[in-house]
PDB file of N, CA and C in Angstrom:
ATOM      1  N   MET A   1      72.970   0.901 -34.109  1.00  0.00           N
ATOM      2  CA  MET A   1      73.733   0.546 -35.288  1.00  0.00           C
ATOM      3  C   MET A   1      73.055   1.139 -36.519  1.00  0.00           C
ATOM      4  N   LEU A   2      73.840   1.740 -37.362  1.00  0.00           N
ATOM      5  CA  LEU A   2      73.319   2.364 -38.573  1.00  0.00           C
ATOM      6  C   LEU A   2      73.057   1.298 -39.627  1.00  0.00           C
ATOM      7  N   ASP A   3      71.862   1.309 -40.182  1.00  0.00           N
ATOM      8  CA  ASP A   3      71.484   0.358 -41.218  1.00  0.00           C
ATOM      9  C   ASP A   3      72.348   0.590 -42.447  1.00  0.00           C
ATOM     10  N   LYS A   4      72.734  -0.477 -43.104  1.00  0.00           N
ATOM     11  CA  LYS A   4      73.591  -0.387 -44.294  1.00  0.00           C
ATOM     12  C   LYS A   4      72.915   0.361 -45.434  1.00  0.00           C
ATOM     13  N   LYS A   5      71.569   0.397 -45.412  1.00  0.00           N
ATOM     14  CA  LYS A   5      70.829   1.088 -46.469  1.00  0.00           C
ATOM     15  C   LYS A   5      70.813   2.602 -46.271  1.00  0.00           C
ATOM     16  N   ILE A   6      71.281   3.075 -45.120  1.00  0.00           N
ATOM     17  CA  ILE A   6      71.216   4.505 -44.819  1.00  0.00           C
ATOM     18  C   ILE A   6      72.542   5.167 -45.170  1.00  0.00           C
ATOM     19  N   ASN A   7      72.451   6.180 -46.024  1.00  0.00           N
ATOM     20  CA  ASN A   7      73.618   6.979 -46.370  1.00  0.00           C
ATOM     21  C   ASN A   7      73.536   8.271 -45.562  1.00  0.00           C
ATOM     22  N   PRO A   8      74.387   8.429 -44.545  1.00  0.00           N
ATOM     23  CA  PRO A   8      74.296   9.612 -43.672  1.00  0.00           C
ATOM     24  C   PRO A   8      74.659  10.930 -44.371  1.00  0.00           C
ATOM     25  N   ASP A   9      75.155  10.837 -45.601  1.00  0.00           N
ATOM     26  CA  ASP A   9      75.512  12.049 -46.336  1.00  0.00           C
ATOM     27  C   ASP A   9      74.326  12.648 -47.086  1.00  0.00           C
ATOM     28  N   THR A  10      73.208  11.917 -47.139  1.00  0.00           N
ATOM     29  CA  THR A  10      72.038  12.423 -47.847  1.00  0.00           C
ATOM     30  C   THR A  10      70.993  12.914 -46.843  1.00  0.00           C
ATOM     31  N   ILE A  11      70.107  13.756 -47.308  1.00  0.00           N
ATOM     32  CA  ILE A  11      69.040  14.268 -46.449  1.00  0.00           C
ATOM     33  C   ILE A  11      68.122  13.119 -46.020  1.00  0.00           C
ATOM     34  N   THR A  12      67.737  12.266 -46.968  1.00  0.00           N
ATOM     35  CA  THR A  12      66.863  11.146 -46.602  1.00  0.00           C
ATOM     36  C   THR A  12      67.574  10.201 -45.639  1.00  0.00           C
ATOM     37  N   GLY A  13      68.858  10.022 -45.810  1.00  0.00           N
ATOM     38  CA  GLY A  13      69.620   9.193 -44.886  1.00  0.00           C
ATOM     39  C   GLY A  13      69.623   9.766 -43.482  1.00  0.00           C
ATOM     40  N   GLN A  14      69.772  11.071 -43.387  1.00  0.00           N
ATOM     41  CA  GLN A  14      69.757  11.736 -42.083  1.00  0.00           C
ATOM     42  C   GLN A  14      68.372  11.628 -41.432  1.00  0.00           C
ATOM     43  N   ILE A  15      67.334  11.785 -42.238  1.00  0.00           N
ATOM     44  CA  ILE A  15      65.965  11.682 -41.721  1.00  0.00           C
ATOM     45  C   ILE A  15      65.685  10.259 -41.253  1.00  0.00           C
ATOM     46  N   ASN A  16      66.025   9.274 -42.075  1.00  0.00           N
ATOM     47  CA  ASN A  16      65.796   7.875 -41.697  1.00  0.00           C
ATOM     48  C   ASN A  16      66.571   7.502 -40.443  1.00  0.00           C
ATOM     49  N   SER A  17      67.809   7.934 -40.369  1.00  0.00           N
ATOM     50  CA  SER A  17      68.640   7.645 -39.211  1.00  0.00           C
ATOM     51  C   SER A  17      68.039   8.233 -37.941  1.00  0.00           C
ATOM     52  N   LYS A  18      67.591   9.479 -38.010  1.00  0.00           N
ATOM     53  CA  LYS A  18      66.984  10.139 -36.854  1.00  0.00           C
ATOM     54  C   LYS A  18      65.665   9.456 -36.481  1.00  0.00           C
ATOM     55  N   ALA A  19      64.878   9.093 -37.475  1.00  0.00           N
ATOM     56  CA  ALA A  19      63.599   8.426 -37.208  1.00  0.00           C
ATOM     57  C   ALA A  19      63.823   7.106 -36.477  1.00  0.00           C
ATOM     58  N   ILE A  20      64.774   6.325 -36.933  1.00  0.00           N
ATOM     59  CA  ILE A  20      65.059   5.039 -36.297  1.00  0.00           C
ATOM     60  C   ILE A  20      65.607   5.251 -34.890  1.00  0.00           C
ATOM     61  N   GLU A  21      66.412   6.284 -34.711  1.00  0.00           N
ATOM     62  CA  GLU A  21      66.919   6.611 -33.372  1.00  0.00           C
ATOM     63  C   GLU A  21      65.762   6.960 -32.425  1.00  0.00           C
ATOM     64  N   ILE A  22      64.858   7.805 -32.880  1.00  0.00           N
ATOM     65  CA  ILE A  22      63.709   8.221 -32.056  1.00  0.00           C
ATOM     66  C   ILE A  22      62.849   7.008 -31.716  1.00  0.00           C
ATOM     67  N   ILE A  23      62.547   6.191 -32.704  1.00  0.00           N
ATOM     68  CA  ILE A  23      61.718   5.004 -32.483  1.00  0.00           C
ATOM     69  C   ILE A  23      62.423   4.038 -31.525  1.00  0.00           C
ATOM     70  N   GLY A  24      63.716   3.906 -31.673  1.00  0.00           N
ATOM     71  CA  GLY A  24      64.488   3.006 -30.821  1.00  0.00           C
ATOM     72  C   GLY A  24      64.570   3.450 -29.376  1.00  0.00           C
ATOM     73  N   ASN A  25      64.313   4.727 -29.123  1.00  0.00           N
ATOM     74  CA  ASN A  25      64.355   5.262 -27.759  1.00  0.00           C
ATOM     75  C   ASN A  25      62.979   5.316 -27.098  1.00  0.00           C
ATOM     76  N   ASN A  26      61.961   4.794 -27.772  1.00  0.00           N
ATOM     77  CA  ASN A  26      60.593   4.842 -27.254  1.00  0.00           C
ATOM     78  C   ASN A  26      59.964   3.453 -27.270  1.00  0.00           C
ATOM     79  N   PRO A  27      60.078   2.716 -26.158  1.00  0.00           N
ATOM     80  CA  PRO A  27      59.560   1.347 -26.111  1.00  0.00           C
ATOM     81  C   PRO A  27      58.054   1.220 -26.364  1.00  0.00           C
ATOM     82  N   LYS A  28      57.298   2.274 -26.084  1.00  0.00           N
ATOM     83  CA  LYS A  28      55.844   2.229 -26.307  1.00  0.00           C
ATOM     84  C   LYS A  28      55.455   2.648 -27.723  1.00  0.00           C
ATOM     85  N   GLY A  29      56.448   3.028 -28.511  1.00  0.00           N
ATOM     86  CA  GLY A  29      56.194   3.441 -29.880  1.00  0.00           C
ATOM     87  C   GLY A  29      56.040   4.946 -30.001  1.00  0.00           C
ATOM     88  N   VAL A  30      56.026   5.403 -31.242  1.00  0.00           N
ATOM     89  CA  VAL A  30      55.906   6.829 -31.547  1.00  0.00           C
ATOM     90  C   VAL A  30      54.864   6.996 -32.633  1.00  0.00           C
ATOM     91  N   GLY A  31      53.956   7.927 -32.421  1.00  0.00           N
ATOM     92  CA  GLY A  31      52.940   8.228 -33.420  1.00  0.00           C
ATOM     93  C   GLY A  31      53.527   9.009 -34.585  1.00  0.00           C
ATOM     94  N   TRP A  32      52.814   8.948 -35.699  1.00  0.00           N
ATOM     95  CA  TRP A  32      53.245   9.618 -36.933  1.00  0.00           C
ATOM     96  C   TRP A  32      53.562  11.093 -36.707  1.00  0.00           C
ATOM     97  N   THR A  33      52.640  11.813 -36.101  1.00  0.00           N
ATOM     98  CA  THR A  33      52.810  13.260 -35.915  1.00  0.00           C
ATOM     99  C   THR A  33      53.988  13.575 -35.008  1.00  0.00           C
ATOM    100  N   GLU A  34      54.075  12.865 -33.900  1.00  0.00           N
ATOM    101  CA  GLU A  34      55.169  13.090 -32.960  1.00  0.00           C
ATOM    102  C   GLU A  34      56.519  12.790 -33.609  1.00  0.00           C
ATOM    103  N   LEU A  35      56.587  11.706 -34.362  1.00  0.00           N
ATOM    104  CA  LEU A  35      57.832  11.352 -35.048  1.00  0.00           C
ATOM    105  C   LEU A  35      58.215  12.430 -36.053  1.00  0.00           C
ATOM    106  N   SER A  36      57.272  12.861 -36.856  1.00  0.00           N
ATOM    107  CA  SER A  36      57.544  13.915 -37.848  1.00  0.00           C
ATOM    108  C   SER A  36      57.984  15.209 -37.167  1.00  0.00           C
ATOM    109  N   ASN A  37      57.308  15.570 -36.081  1.00  0.00           N
ATOM    110  CA  ASN A  37      57.654  16.803 -35.370  1.00  0.00           C
ATOM    111  C   ASN A  37      59.059  16.737 -34.767  1.00  0.00           C
ATOM    112  N   GLN A  38      59.413  15.593 -34.199  1.00  0.00           N
ATOM    113  CA  GLN A  38      60.746  15.461 -33.614  1.00  0.00           C
ATOM    114  C   GLN A  38      61.837  15.531 -34.673  1.00  0.00           C
ATOM    115  N   ILE A  39      61.578  14.967 -35.837  1.00  0.00           N
ATOM    116  CA  ILE A  39      62.548  15.035 -36.934  1.00  0.00           C
ATOM    117  C   ILE A  39      62.692  16.480 -37.403  1.00  0.00           C
ATOM    118  N   LYS A  40      61.585  17.190 -37.528  1.00  0.00           N
ATOM    119  CA  LYS A  40      61.617  18.593 -37.957  1.00  0.00           C
ATOM    120  C   LYS A  40      62.317  19.466 -36.919  1.00  0.00           C
ATOM    121  N   GLU A  41      62.146  19.151 -35.620  1.00  0.00           N
ATOM    122  CA  GLU A  41      62.851  19.887 -34.569  1.00  0.00           C
ATOM    123  C   GLU A  41      64.350  19.627 -34.637  1.00  0.00           C
ATOM    124  N   PHE A  42      64.718  18.398 -34.965  1.00  0.00           N
ATOM    125  CA  PHE A  42      66.125  18.025 -35.089  1.00  0.00           C
ATOM    126  C   PHE A  42      66.818  18.878 -36.149  1.00  0.00           C
ATOM    127  N   ASN A  43      66.147  19.063 -37.282  1.00  0.00           N
ATOM    128  CA  ASN A  43      66.702  19.901 -38.342  1.00  0.00           C
ATOM    129  C   ASN A  43      65.555  20.603 -39.075  1.00  0.00           C
ATOM    130  N   PRO A  44      65.273  21.858 -38.694  1.00  0.00           N
ATOM    131  CA  PRO A  44      64.175  22.599 -39.319  1.00  0.00           C
ATOM    132  C   PRO A  44      64.360  22.849 -40.824  1.00  0.00           C
ATOM    133  N   LYS A  45      65.567  22.625 -41.338  1.00  0.00           N
ATOM    134  CA  LYS A  45      65.814  22.835 -42.765  1.00  0.00           C
ATOM    135  C   LYS A  45      65.294  21.686 -43.624  1.00  0.00           C
ATOM    136  N   PHE A  46      64.981  20.548 -42.989  1.00  0.00           N
ATOM    137  CA  PHE A  46      64.412  19.434 -43.750  1.00  0.00           C
ATOM    138  C   PHE A  46      63.045  19.848 -44.287  1.00  0.00           C
ATOM    139  N   HIS A  47      62.818  19.617 -45.567  1.00  0.00           N
ATOM    140  CA  HIS A  47      61.536  19.947 -46.178  1.00  0.00           C
ATOM    141  C   HIS A  47      60.463  19.015 -45.608  1.00  0.00           C
ATOM    142  N   PRO A  48      59.302  19.566 -45.212  1.00  0.00           N
ATOM    143  CA  PRO A  48      58.237  18.740 -44.609  1.00  0.00           C
ATOM    144  C   PRO A  48      57.803  17.556 -45.480  1.00  0.00           C
ATOM    145  N   LYS A  49      57.765  17.744 -46.785  1.00  0.00           N
ATOM    146  CA  LYS A  49      57.349  16.644 -47.663  1.00  0.00           C
ATOM    147  C   LYS A  49      58.403  15.540 -47.720  1.00  0.00           C
ATOM    148  N   THR A  50      59.659  15.915 -47.594  1.00  0.00           N
ATOM    149  CA  THR A  50      60.722  14.910 -47.555  1.00  0.00           C
ATOM    150  C   THR A  50      60.620  14.104 -46.265  1.00  0.00           C
ATOM    151  N   VAL A  51      60.383  14.791 -45.150  1.00  0.00           N
ATOM    152  CA  VAL A  51      60.201  14.113 -43.866  1.00  0.00           C
ATOM    153  C   VAL A  51      59.009  13.161 -43.954  1.00  0.00           C
ATOM    154  N   ASN A  52      57.873  13.643 -44.457  1.00  0.00           N
ATOM    155  CA  ASN A  52      56.680  12.800 -44.571  1.00  0.00           C
ATOM    156  C   ASN A  52      56.924  11.580 -45.451  1.00  0.00           C
ATOM    157  N   GLY A  53      57.618  11.783 -46.556  1.00  0.00           N
ATOM    158  CA  GLY A  53      57.912  10.669 -47.462  1.00  0.00           C
ATOM    159  C   GLY A  53      58.791   9.616 -46.809  1.00  0.00           C
ATOM    160  N   CYS A  54      59.787  10.056 -46.058  1.00  0.00           N
ATOM    161  CA  CYS A  54      60.676   9.111 -45.367  1.00  0.00           C
ATOM    162  C   CYS A  54      59.927   8.349 -44.280  1.00  0.00           C
ATOM    163  N   VAL A  55      59.118   9.051 -43.508  1.00  0.00           N
ATOM    164  CA  VAL A  55      58.351   8.406 -42.444  1.00  0.00           C
ATOM    165  C   VAL A  55      57.368   7.407 -43.058  1.00  0.00           C
ATOM    166  N   TRP A  56      56.721   7.804 -44.131  1.00  0.00           N
ATOM    167  CA  TRP A  56      55.745   6.955 -44.822  1.00  0.00           C
ATOM    168  C   TRP A  56      56.378   5.621 -45.232  1.00  0.00           C
ATOM    169  N   LYS A  57      57.640   5.648 -45.660  1.00  0.00           N
ATOM    170  CA  LYS A  57      58.300   4.462 -46.200  1.00  0.00           C
ATOM    171  C   LYS A  57      59.155   3.705 -45.176  1.00  0.00           C
ATOM    172  N   LEU A  58      59.147   4.115 -43.926  1.00  0.00           N
ATOM    173  CA  LEU A  58      60.007   3.477 -42.926  1.00  0.00           C
ATOM    174  C   LEU A  58      59.822   1.967 -42.856  1.00  0.00           C
ATOM    175  N   THR A  59      58.592   1.516 -42.719  1.00  0.00           N
ATOM    176  CA  THR A  59      58.354   0.076 -42.570  1.00  0.00           C
ATOM    177  C   THR A  59      58.664  -0.682 -43.860  1.00  0.00           C
ATOM    178  N   GLU A  60      58.510  -0.015 -44.987  1.00  0.00           N
ATOM    179  CA  GLU A  60      58.819  -0.647 -46.273  1.00  0.00           C
ATOM    180  C   GLU A  60      60.325  -0.743 -46.479  1.00  0.00           C
ATOM    181  N   ASN A  61      61.041   0.330 -46.157  1.00  0.00           N
ATOM    182  CA  ASN A  61      62.485   0.368 -46.380  1.00  0.00           C
ATOM    183  C   ASN A  61      63.297  -0.334 -45.298  1.00  0.00           C
ATOM    184  N   PHE A  62      62.755  -0.422 -44.090  1.00  0.00           N
ATOM    185  CA  PHE A  62      63.492  -1.004 -42.966  1.00  0.00           C
ATOM    186  C   PHE A  62      62.629  -2.014 -42.202  1.00  0.00           C
ATOM    187  N   PRO A  63      62.150  -3.061 -42.886  1.00  0.00           N
ATOM    188  CA  PRO A  63      61.241  -4.016 -42.241  1.00  0.00           C
ATOM    189  C   PRO A  63      61.890  -4.805 -41.097  1.00  0.00           C
ATOM    190  N   ASN A  64      63.198  -4.902 -41.100  1.00  0.00           N
ATOM    191  CA  ASN A  64      63.891  -5.625 -40.031  1.00  0.00           C
ATOM    192  C   ASN A  64      64.177  -4.740 -38.829  1.00  0.00           C
ATOM    193  N   THR A  65      63.828  -3.467 -38.940  1.00  0.00           N
ATOM    194  CA  THR A  65      64.095  -2.509 -37.864  1.00  0.00           C
ATOM    195  C   THR A  65      62.827  -1.887 -37.310  1.00  0.00           C
ATOM    196  N   VAL A  66      61.891  -1.533 -38.192  1.00  0.00           N
ATOM    197  CA  VAL A  66      60.692  -0.789 -37.789  1.00  0.00           C
ATOM    198  C   VAL A  66      59.438  -1.554 -38.205  1.00  0.00           C
ATOM    199  N   TYR A  67      58.444  -1.553 -37.321  1.00  0.00           N
ATOM    200  CA  TYR A  67      57.148  -2.137 -37.659  1.00  0.00           C
ATOM    201  C   TYR A  67      56.037  -1.250 -37.114  1.00  0.00           C
ATOM    202  N   LYS A  68      54.826  -1.479 -37.619  1.00  0.00           N
ATOM    203  CA  LYS A  68      53.657  -0.726 -37.168  1.00  0.00           C
ATOM    204  C   LYS A  68      52.647  -1.706 -36.590  1.00  0.00           C
ATOM    205  N   PRO A  69      52.516  -1.747 -35.243  1.00  0.00           N
ATOM    206  CA  PRO A  69      51.535  -2.645 -34.640  1.00  0.00           C
ATOM    207  C   PRO A  69      50.094  -2.213 -34.913  1.00  0.00           C
ATOM    208  N   LYS A  70      49.925  -0.920 -35.181  1.00  0.00           N
ATOM    209  CA  LYS A  70      48.624  -0.403 -35.594  1.00  0.00           C
ATOM    210  C   LYS A  70      48.860   0.866 -36.409  1.00  0.00           C
ATOM    211  N   LYS A  71      47.838   1.300 -37.084  1.00  0.00           N
ATOM    212  CA  LYS A  71      47.938   2.452 -37.976  1.00  0.00           C
ATOM    213  C   LYS A  71      48.473   3.679 -37.228  1.00  0.00           C
ATOM    214  N   GLY A  72      49.511   4.287 -37.796  1.00  0.00           N
ATOM    215  CA  GLY A  72      50.043   5.528 -37.255  1.00  0.00           C
ATOM    216  C   GLY A  72      51.005   5.382 -36.098  1.00  0.00           C
ATOM    217  N   LEU A  73      51.312   4.145 -35.668  1.00  0.00           N
ATOM    218  CA  LEU A  73      52.223   3.929 -34.549  1.00  0.00           C
ATOM    219  C   LEU A  73      53.445   3.151 -35.033  1.00  0.00           C
ATOM    220  N   PHE A  74      54.603   3.733 -34.829  1.00  0.00           N
ATOM    221  CA  PHE A  74      55.852   3.106 -35.247  1.00  0.00           C
ATOM    222  C   PHE A  74      56.586   2.568 -34.029  1.00  0.00           C
ATOM    223  N   MET A  75      57.078   1.327 -34.152  1.00  0.00           N
ATOM    224  CA  MET A  75      57.834   0.716 -33.071  1.00  0.00           C
ATOM    225  C   MET A  75      59.090   0.057 -33.633  1.00  0.00           C
ATOM    226  N   HIS A  76      60.118   0.021 -32.796  1.00  0.00           N
ATOM    227  CA  HIS A  76      61.367  -0.639 -33.167  1.00  0.00           C
ATOM    228  C   HIS A  76      61.188  -2.138 -32.938  1.00  0.00           C
ATOM    229  N   ASN A  77      61.755  -2.932 -33.816  1.00  0.00           N
ATOM    230  CA  ASN A  77      61.628  -4.387 -33.694  1.00  0.00           C
ATOM    231  C   ASN A  77      62.212  -4.936 -32.401  1.00  0.00           C
ATOM    232  N   LYS A  78      63.145  -4.217 -31.781  1.00  0.00           N
ATOM    233  CA  LYS A  78      63.718  -4.712 -30.528  1.00  0.00           C
ATOM    234  C   LYS A  78      62.688  -4.717 -29.393  1.00  0.00           C
ATOM    235  N   PHE A  79      61.570  -4.012 -29.590  1.00  0.00           N
ATOM    236  CA  PHE A  79      60.506  -3.983 -28.584  1.00  0.00           C
ATOM    237  C   PHE A  79      59.338  -4.913 -28.938  1.00  0.00           C
ATOM    238  N   LYS A  80      59.473  -5.630 -30.044  1.00  0.00           N
ATOM    239  CA  LYS A  80      58.399  -6.516 -30.495  1.00  0.00           C
ATOM    240  C   LYS A  80      58.250  -7.675 -29.506  1.00  0.00           C
ATOM    241  N   SER A  81      57.012  -7.948 -29.127  1.00  0.00           N
ATOM    242  CA  SER A  81      56.802  -9.043 -28.166  1.00  0.00           C
ATOM    243  C   SER A  81      56.159 -10.243 -28.819  1.00  0.00           C
TER     244      SER A  81
END
């Protein structure tokens, strides 16, 4: 389900949507580098700093969807135990 805060017409919206999709498909979580690389592979036209900024703010912008059990590891709340 697409978060109401995500506008799919914007670049940041597309990045956030893809990041949440990737995290949601990985029950063991995704590291910062792997997440950034997968987003860049999805659309190489995304500016690296924009990708980094979106990833950096994931837990702040989507606290009900994404959490970090430890530094550098992103997990979807549906996998929270």
